[in-house]
Amino acid sequence: MAPELIHARWRKSTYSGDSGDCVEVAGSDLDVVPVRDSKNVHGPYLHVSTRAWRTFISSVRAEEFPAPG
């Protein structure tokens, strides 16, 4: 894990419930949002630009993605 994320406070959505099938994000002093798989906390993670993350969250809230299934 990158040194800047060793003490990061990772969080997941309250909508994820207890299933464990979700992503977690961490705060960062960088202009990126670290994102990882909650089932593999020691595995790889992504750095998503803050702008891209805000666009993604806005799209989710606006229900712009089709429901699975």
PDB file of N, CA and C in Angstrom:
ATOM      1  N   MET A   1       0.852  -1.178   0.000  1.00  0.00           N
ATOM      2  CA  MET A   1       0.000   0.000   0.000  1.00  0.00           C
ATOM      3  C   MET A   1       0.894   1.237   0.000  1.00  0.00           C
ATOM      4  N   ALA A   2       0.460   2.245  -0.713  1.00  0.00           N
ATOM      5  CA  ALA A   2       1.219   3.487  -0.790  1.00  0.00           C
ATOM      6  C   ALA A   2       1.341   4.111   0.598  1.00  0.00           C
ATOM      7  N   PRO A   3       2.489   4.703   0.886  1.00  0.00           N
ATOM      8  CA  PRO A   3       2.698   5.290   2.223  1.00  0.00           C
ATOM      9  C   PRO A   3       1.608   6.266   2.647  1.00  0.00           C
ATOM     10  N   GLU A   4       1.080   7.058   1.710  1.00  0.00           N
ATOM     11  CA  GLU A   4       0.059   8.038   2.084  1.00  0.00           C
ATOM     12  C   GLU A   4      -1.267   7.400   2.477  1.00  0.00           C
ATOM     13  N   LEU A   5      -1.420   6.081   2.230  1.00  0.00           N
ATOM     14  CA  LEU A   5      -2.690   5.413   2.560  1.00  0.00           C
ATOM     15  C   LEU A   5      -2.582   4.452   3.745  1.00  0.00           C
ATOM     16  N   ILE A   6      -1.408   4.350   4.338  1.00  0.00           N
ATOM     17  CA  ILE A   6      -1.228   3.415   5.450  1.00  0.00           C
ATOM     18  C   ILE A   6      -2.189   3.726   6.598  1.00  0.00           C
ATOM     19  N   HIS A   7      -2.387   4.992   6.898  1.00  0.00           N
ATOM     20  CA  HIS A   7      -3.272   5.382   8.000  1.00  0.00           C
ATOM     21  C   HIS A   7      -4.584   5.983   7.497  1.00  0.00           C
ATOM     22  N   ALA A   8      -4.910   5.709   6.254  1.00  0.00           N
ATOM     23  CA  ALA A   8      -6.138   6.262   5.671  1.00  0.00           C
ATOM     24  C   ALA A   8      -7.364   5.707   6.382  1.00  0.00           C
ATOM     25  N   ARG A   9      -8.393   6.522   6.438  1.00  0.00           N
ATOM     26  CA  ARG A   9      -9.677   6.089   7.015  1.00  0.00           C
ATOM     27  C   ARG A   9     -10.575   5.700   5.851  1.00  0.00           C
ATOM     28  N   TRP A  10     -10.666   4.416   5.603  1.00  0.00           N
ATOM     29  CA  TRP A  10     -11.497   3.893   4.522  1.00  0.00           C
ATOM     30  C   TRP A  10     -12.941   3.828   4.996  1.00  0.00           C
ATOM     31  N   ARG A  11     -13.871   4.074   4.089  1.00  0.00           N
ATOM     32  CA  ARG A  11     -15.297   4.002   4.432  1.00  0.00           C
ATOM     33  C   ARG A  11     -16.061   3.419   3.260  1.00  0.00           C
ATOM     34  N   LYS A  12     -17.192   2.796   3.591  1.00  0.00           N
ATOM     35  CA  LYS A  12     -18.055   2.273   2.540  1.00  0.00           C
ATOM     36  C   LYS A  12     -19.447   2.842   2.715  1.00  0.00           C
ATOM     37  N   SER A  13     -20.212   2.754   1.689  1.00  0.00           N
ATOM     38  CA  SER A  13     -21.557   3.306   1.691  1.00  0.00           C
ATOM     39  C   SER A  13     -22.430   2.612   2.730  1.00  0.00           C
ATOM     40  N   THR A  14     -23.283   3.373   3.367  1.00  0.00           N
ATOM     41  CA  THR A  14     -24.254   2.779   4.298  1.00  0.00           C
ATOM     42  C   THR A  14     -25.286   1.955   3.543  1.00  0.00           C
ATOM     43  N   TYR A  15     -25.407   2.162   2.254  1.00  0.00           N
ATOM     44  CA  TYR A  15     -26.338   1.387   1.433  1.00  0.00           C
ATOM     45  C   TYR A  15     -25.840  -0.026   1.171  1.00  0.00           C
ATOM     46  N   SER A  16     -24.587  -0.316   1.452  1.00  0.00           N
ATOM     47  CA  SER A  16     -24.030  -1.628   1.144  1.00  0.00           C
ATOM     48  C   SER A  16     -24.509  -2.699   2.116  1.00  0.00           C
ATOM     49  N   GLY A  17     -24.994  -2.314   3.263  1.00  0.00           N
ATOM     50  CA  GLY A  17     -25.488  -3.290   4.224  1.00  0.00           C
ATOM     51  C   GLY A  17     -24.390  -4.191   4.731  1.00  0.00           C
ATOM     52  N   ASP A  18     -24.723  -5.423   5.041  1.00  0.00           N
ATOM     53  CA  ASP A  18     -23.760  -6.375   5.590  1.00  0.00           C
ATOM     54  C   ASP A  18     -23.237  -7.351   4.551  1.00  0.00           C
ATOM     55  N   SER A  19     -23.604  -7.164   3.276  1.00  0.00           N
ATOM     56  CA  SER A  19     -23.206  -8.136   2.264  1.00  0.00           C
ATOM     57  C   SER A  19     -21.704  -8.146   2.032  1.00  0.00           C
ATOM     58  N   GLY A  20     -21.038  -7.030   2.247  1.00  0.00           N
ATOM     59  CA  GLY A  20     -19.607  -6.960   2.018  1.00  0.00           C
ATOM     60  C   GLY A  20     -19.223  -6.773   0.567  1.00  0.00           C
ATOM     61  N   ASP A  21     -20.206  -6.790  -0.325  1.00  0.00           N
ATOM     62  CA  ASP A  21     -19.939  -6.625  -1.750  1.00  0.00           C
ATOM     63  C   ASP A  21     -20.017  -5.156  -2.126  1.00  0.00           C
ATOM     64  N   CYS A  22     -18.946  -4.453  -1.868  1.00  0.00           N
ATOM     65  CA  CYS A  22     -18.963  -3.027  -2.167  1.00  0.00           C
ATOM     66  C   CYS A  22     -17.547  -2.513  -2.333  1.00  0.00           C
ATOM     67  N   VAL A  23     -17.460  -1.260  -2.625  1.00  0.00           N
ATOM     68  CA  VAL A  23     -16.161  -0.603  -2.691  1.00  0.00           C
ATOM     69  C   VAL A  23     -16.024   0.308  -1.480  1.00  0.00           C
ATOM     70  N   GLU A  24     -14.791   0.628  -1.161  1.00  0.00           N
ATOM     71  CA  GLU A  24     -14.502   1.564  -0.092  1.00  0.00           C
ATOM     72  C   GLU A  24     -13.690   2.705  -0.675  1.00  0.00           C
ATOM     73  N   VAL A  25     -13.859   3.875  -0.103  1.00  0.00           N
ATOM     74  CA  VAL A  25     -13.080   5.038  -0.521  1.00  0.00           C
ATOM     75  C   VAL A  25     -12.380   5.614   0.705  1.00  0.00           C
ATOM     76  N   ALA A  26     -11.304   6.325   0.451  1.00  0.00           N
ATOM     77  CA  ALA A  26     -10.554   6.942   1.543  1.00  0.00           C
ATOM     78  C   ALA A  26     -10.354   8.412   1.236  1.00  0.00           C
ATOM     79  N   GLY A  27     -10.257   9.190   2.295  1.00  0.00           N
ATOM     80  CA  GLY A  27      -9.901  10.585   2.135  1.00  0.00           C
ATOM     81  C   GLY A  27      -8.444  10.689   1.729  1.00  0.00           C
ATOM     82  N   SER A  28      -8.099  11.760   1.070  1.00  0.00           N
ATOM     83  CA  SER A  28      -6.729  11.926   0.602  1.00  0.00           C
ATOM     84  C   SER A  28      -6.396  13.401   0.516  1.00  0.00           C
ATOM     85  N   ASP A  29      -5.152  13.733   0.797  1.00  0.00           N
ATOM     86  CA  ASP A  29      -4.688  15.103   0.624  1.00  0.00           C
ATOM     87  C   ASP A  29      -4.340  15.368  -0.839  1.00  0.00           C
ATOM     88  N   LEU A  30      -4.325  14.336  -1.621  1.00  0.00           N
ATOM     89  CA  LEU A  30      -4.019  14.451  -3.037  1.00  0.00           C
ATOM     90  C   LEU A  30      -5.288  14.829  -3.795  1.00  0.00           C
ATOM     91  N   ASP A  31      -5.166  15.094  -5.080  1.00  0.00           N
ATOM     92  CA  ASP A  31      -6.341  15.424  -5.892  1.00  0.00           C
ATOM     93  C   ASP A  31      -6.940  14.157  -6.494  1.00  0.00           C
ATOM     94  N   VAL A  32      -6.966  13.099  -5.679  1.00  0.00           N
ATOM     95  CA  VAL A  32      -7.510  11.818  -6.115  1.00  0.00           C
ATOM     96  C   VAL A  32      -8.332  11.205  -4.985  1.00  0.00           C
ATOM     97  N   VAL A  33      -9.196  10.272  -5.355  1.00  0.00           N
ATOM     98  CA  VAL A  33      -9.969   9.507  -4.386  1.00  0.00           C
ATOM     99  C   VAL A  33      -9.512   8.054  -4.497  1.00  0.00           C
ATOM    100  N   PRO A  34      -8.879   7.509  -3.463  1.00  0.00           N
ATOM    101  CA  PRO A  34      -8.499   6.098  -3.489  1.00  0.00           C
ATOM    102  C   PRO A  34      -9.747   5.219  -3.345  1.00  0.00           C
ATOM    103  N   VAL A  35      -9.844   4.171  -4.166  1.00  0.00           N
ATOM    104  CA  VAL A  35     -10.995   3.264  -4.177  1.00  0.00           C
ATOM    105  C   VAL A  35     -10.469   1.830  -4.146  1.00  0.00           C
ATOM    106  N   ARG A  36     -11.072   0.992  -3.284  1.00  0.00           N
ATOM    107  CA  ARG A  36     -10.648  -0.413  -3.214  1.00  0.00           C
ATOM    108  C   ARG A  36     -11.854  -1.323  -3.022  1.00  0.00           C
ATOM    109  N   ASP A  37     -11.641  -2.606  -3.218  1.00  0.00           N
ATOM    110  CA  ASP A  37     -12.649  -3.642  -3.021  1.00  0.00           C
ATOM    111  C   ASP A  37     -12.710  -3.969  -1.532  1.00  0.00           C
ATOM    112  N   SER A  38     -13.886  -3.883  -0.938  1.00  0.00           N
ATOM    113  CA  SER A  38     -14.003  -4.128   0.507  1.00  0.00           C
ATOM    114  C   SER A  38     -13.704  -5.571   0.884  1.00  0.00           C
ATOM    115  N   LYS A  39     -13.778  -6.489  -0.068  1.00  0.00           N
ATOM    116  CA  LYS A  39     -13.495  -7.893   0.220  1.00  0.00           C
ATOM    117  C   LYS A  39     -12.004  -8.200   0.158  1.00  0.00           C
ATOM    118  N   ASN A  40     -11.219  -7.249  -0.361  1.00  0.00           N
ATOM    119  CA  ASN A  40      -9.784  -7.464  -0.526  1.00  0.00           C
ATOM    120  C   ASN A  40      -9.042  -6.199  -0.097  1.00  0.00           C
ATOM    121  N   VAL A  41      -9.084  -5.905   1.184  1.00  0.00           N
ATOM    122  CA  VAL A  41      -8.557  -4.631   1.688  1.00  0.00           C
ATOM    123  C   VAL A  41      -7.040  -4.501   1.540  1.00  0.00           C
ATOM    124  N   HIS A  42      -6.341  -5.593   1.354  1.00  0.00           N
ATOM    125  CA  HIS A  42      -4.897  -5.533   1.170  1.00  0.00           C
ATOM    126  C   HIS A  42      -4.510  -5.646  -0.298  1.00  0.00           C
ATOM    127  N   GLY A  43      -5.514  -5.728  -1.158  1.00  0.00           N
ATOM    128  CA  GLY A  43      -5.257  -5.856  -2.583  1.00  0.00           C
ATOM    129  C   GLY A  43      -5.046  -4.513  -3.250  1.00  0.00           C
ATOM    130  N   PRO A  44      -5.102  -4.508  -4.558  1.00  0.00           N
ATOM    131  CA  PRO A  44      -4.862  -3.267  -5.301  1.00  0.00           C
ATOM    132  C   PRO A  44      -5.991  -2.257  -5.088  1.00  0.00           C
ATOM    133  N   TYR A  45      -5.715  -1.022  -5.410  1.00  0.00           N
ATOM    134  CA  TYR A  45      -6.716   0.027  -5.330  1.00  0.00           C
ATOM    135  C   TYR A  45      -6.530   0.967  -6.497  1.00  0.00           C
ATOM    136  N   LEU A  46      -7.534   1.747  -6.760  1.00  0.00           N
ATOM    137  CA  LEU A  46      -7.504   2.726  -7.842  1.00  0.00           C
ATOM    138  C   LEU A  46      -7.357   4.121  -7.274  1.00  0.00           C
ATOM    139  N   HIS A  47      -6.747   4.988  -8.030  1.00  0.00           N
ATOM    140  CA  HIS A  47      -6.747   6.423  -7.734  1.00  0.00           C
ATOM    141  C   HIS A  47      -7.622   7.063  -8.797  1.00  0.00           C
ATOM    142  N   VAL A  48      -8.764   7.589  -8.401  1.00  0.00           N
ATOM    143  CA  VAL A  48      -9.705   8.231  -9.313  1.00  0.00           C
ATOM    144  C   VAL A  48      -9.626   9.735  -9.073  1.00  0.00           C
ATOM    145  N   SER A  49      -9.600  10.519 -10.130  1.00  0.00           N
ATOM    146  CA  SER A  49      -9.531  11.966  -9.925  1.00  0.00           C
ATOM    147  C   SER A  49     -10.763  12.439  -9.152  1.00  0.00           C
ATOM    148  N   THR A  50     -10.571  13.466  -8.361  1.00  0.00           N
ATOM    149  CA  THR A  50     -11.677  14.014  -7.573  1.00  0.00           C
ATOM    150  C   THR A  50     -12.824  14.427  -8.487  1.00  0.00           C
ATOM    151  N   ARG A  51     -12.511  15.036  -9.593  1.00  0.00           N
ATOM    152  CA  ARG A  51     -13.554  15.461 -10.545  1.00  0.00           C
ATOM    153  C   ARG A  51     -14.329  14.258 -11.091  1.00  0.00           C
ATOM    154  N   ALA A  52     -13.622  13.202 -11.478  1.00  0.00           N
ATOM    155  CA  ALA A  52     -14.295  12.009 -12.003  1.00  0.00           C
ATOM    156  C   ALA A  52     -15.165  11.357 -10.926  1.00  0.00           C
ATOM    157  N   TRP A  53     -14.669  11.326  -9.689  1.00  0.00           N
ATOM    158  CA  TRP A  53     -15.443  10.725  -8.593  1.00  0.00           C
ATOM    159  C   TRP A  53     -16.733  11.512  -8.348  1.00  0.00           C
ATOM    160  N   ARG A  54     -16.633  12.843  -8.334  1.00  0.00           N
ATOM    161  CA  ARG A  54     -17.829  13.671  -8.126  1.00  0.00           C
ATOM    162  C   ARG A  54     -18.837  13.465  -9.248  1.00  0.00           C
ATOM    163  N   THR A  55     -18.349  13.342 -10.475  1.00  0.00           N
ATOM    164  CA  THR A  55     -19.247  13.087 -11.613  1.00  0.00           C
ATOM    165  C   THR A  55     -19.929  11.735 -11.456  1.00  0.00           C
ATOM    166  N   PHE A  56     -19.167  10.719 -11.061  1.00  0.00           N
ATOM    167  CA  PHE A  56     -19.731   9.392 -10.850  1.00  0.00           C
ATOM    168  C   PHE A  56     -20.808   9.412  -9.769  1.00  0.00           C
ATOM    169  N   ILE A  57     -20.516  10.018  -8.628  1.00  0.00           N
ATOM    170  CA  ILE A  57     -21.485  10.080  -7.532  1.00  0.00           C
ATOM    171  C   ILE A  57     -22.742  10.835  -7.949  1.00  0.00           C
ATOM    172  N   SER A  58     -22.597  11.917  -8.676  1.00  0.00           N
ATOM    173  CA  SER A  58     -23.754  12.678  -9.168  1.00  0.00           C
ATOM    174  C   SER A  58     -24.604  11.820 -10.084  1.00  0.00           C
ATOM    175  N   SER A  59     -23.954  11.038 -10.934  1.00  0.00           N
ATOM    176  CA  SER A  59     -24.680  10.158 -11.852  1.00  0.00           C
ATOM    177  C   SER A  59     -25.429   9.060 -11.110  1.00  0.00           C
ATOM    178  N   VAL A  60     -24.811   8.513 -10.072  1.00  0.00           N
ATOM    179  CA  VAL A  60     -25.477   7.484  -9.261  1.00  0.00           C
ATOM    180  C   VAL A  60     -26.702   8.082  -8.577  1.00  0.00           C
ATOM    181  N   ARG A  61     -26.541   9.238  -7.981  1.00  0.00           N
ATOM    182  CA  ARG A  61     -27.661   9.887  -7.291  1.00  0.00           C
ATOM    183  C   ARG A  61     -28.799  10.237  -8.241  1.00  0.00           C
ATOM    184  N   ALA A  62     -28.462  10.559  -9.486  1.00  0.00           N
ATOM    185  CA  ALA A  62     -29.471  10.900 -10.488  1.00  0.00           C
ATOM    186  C   ALA A  62     -30.050   9.649 -11.150  1.00  0.00           C
ATOM    187  N   GLU A  63     -29.614   8.461 -10.695  1.00  0.00           N
ATOM    188  CA  GLU A  63     -30.088   7.177 -11.215  1.00  0.00           C
ATOM    189  C   GLU A  63     -29.882   7.069 -12.727  1.00  0.00           C
ATOM    190  N   GLU A  64     -28.722   7.490 -13.195  1.00  0.00           N
ATOM    191  CA  GLU A  64     -28.414   7.457 -14.618  1.00  0.00           C
ATOM    192  C   GLU A  64     -27.925   6.100 -15.112  1.00  0.00           C
ATOM    193  N   PHE A  65     -27.746   5.150 -14.207  1.00  0.00           N
ATOM    194  CA  PHE A  65     -27.289   3.823 -14.595  1.00  0.00           C
ATOM    195  C   PHE A  65     -28.469   2.848 -14.552  1.00  0.00           C
ATOM    196  N   PRO A  66     -28.572   1.948 -15.532  1.00  0.00           N
ATOM    197  CA  PRO A  66     -29.677   0.985 -15.513  1.00  0.00           C
ATOM    198  C   PRO A  66     -29.497  -0.014 -14.359  1.00  0.00           C
ATOM    199  N   ALA A  67     -30.596  -0.479 -13.837  1.00  0.00           N
ATOM    200  CA  ALA A  67     -30.564  -1.468 -12.771  1.00  0.00           C
ATOM    201  C   ALA A  67     -30.021  -2.780 -13.326  1.00  0.00           C
ATOM    202  N   PRO A  68     -29.208  -3.520 -12.544  1.00  0.00           N
ATOM    203  CA  PRO A  68     -28.675  -4.802 -13.012  1.00  0.00           C
ATOM    204  C   PRO A  68     -29.794  -5.833 -13.160  1.00  0.00           C
ATOM    205  N   GLY A  69     -29.546  -6.785 -14.021  1.00  0.00           N
ATOM    206  CA  GLY A  69     -30.478  -7.895 -14.142  1.00  0.00           C
ATOM    207  C   GLY A  69     -31.319  -7.761 -15.298  1.00  0.00           C
TER     208      GLY A  69
END
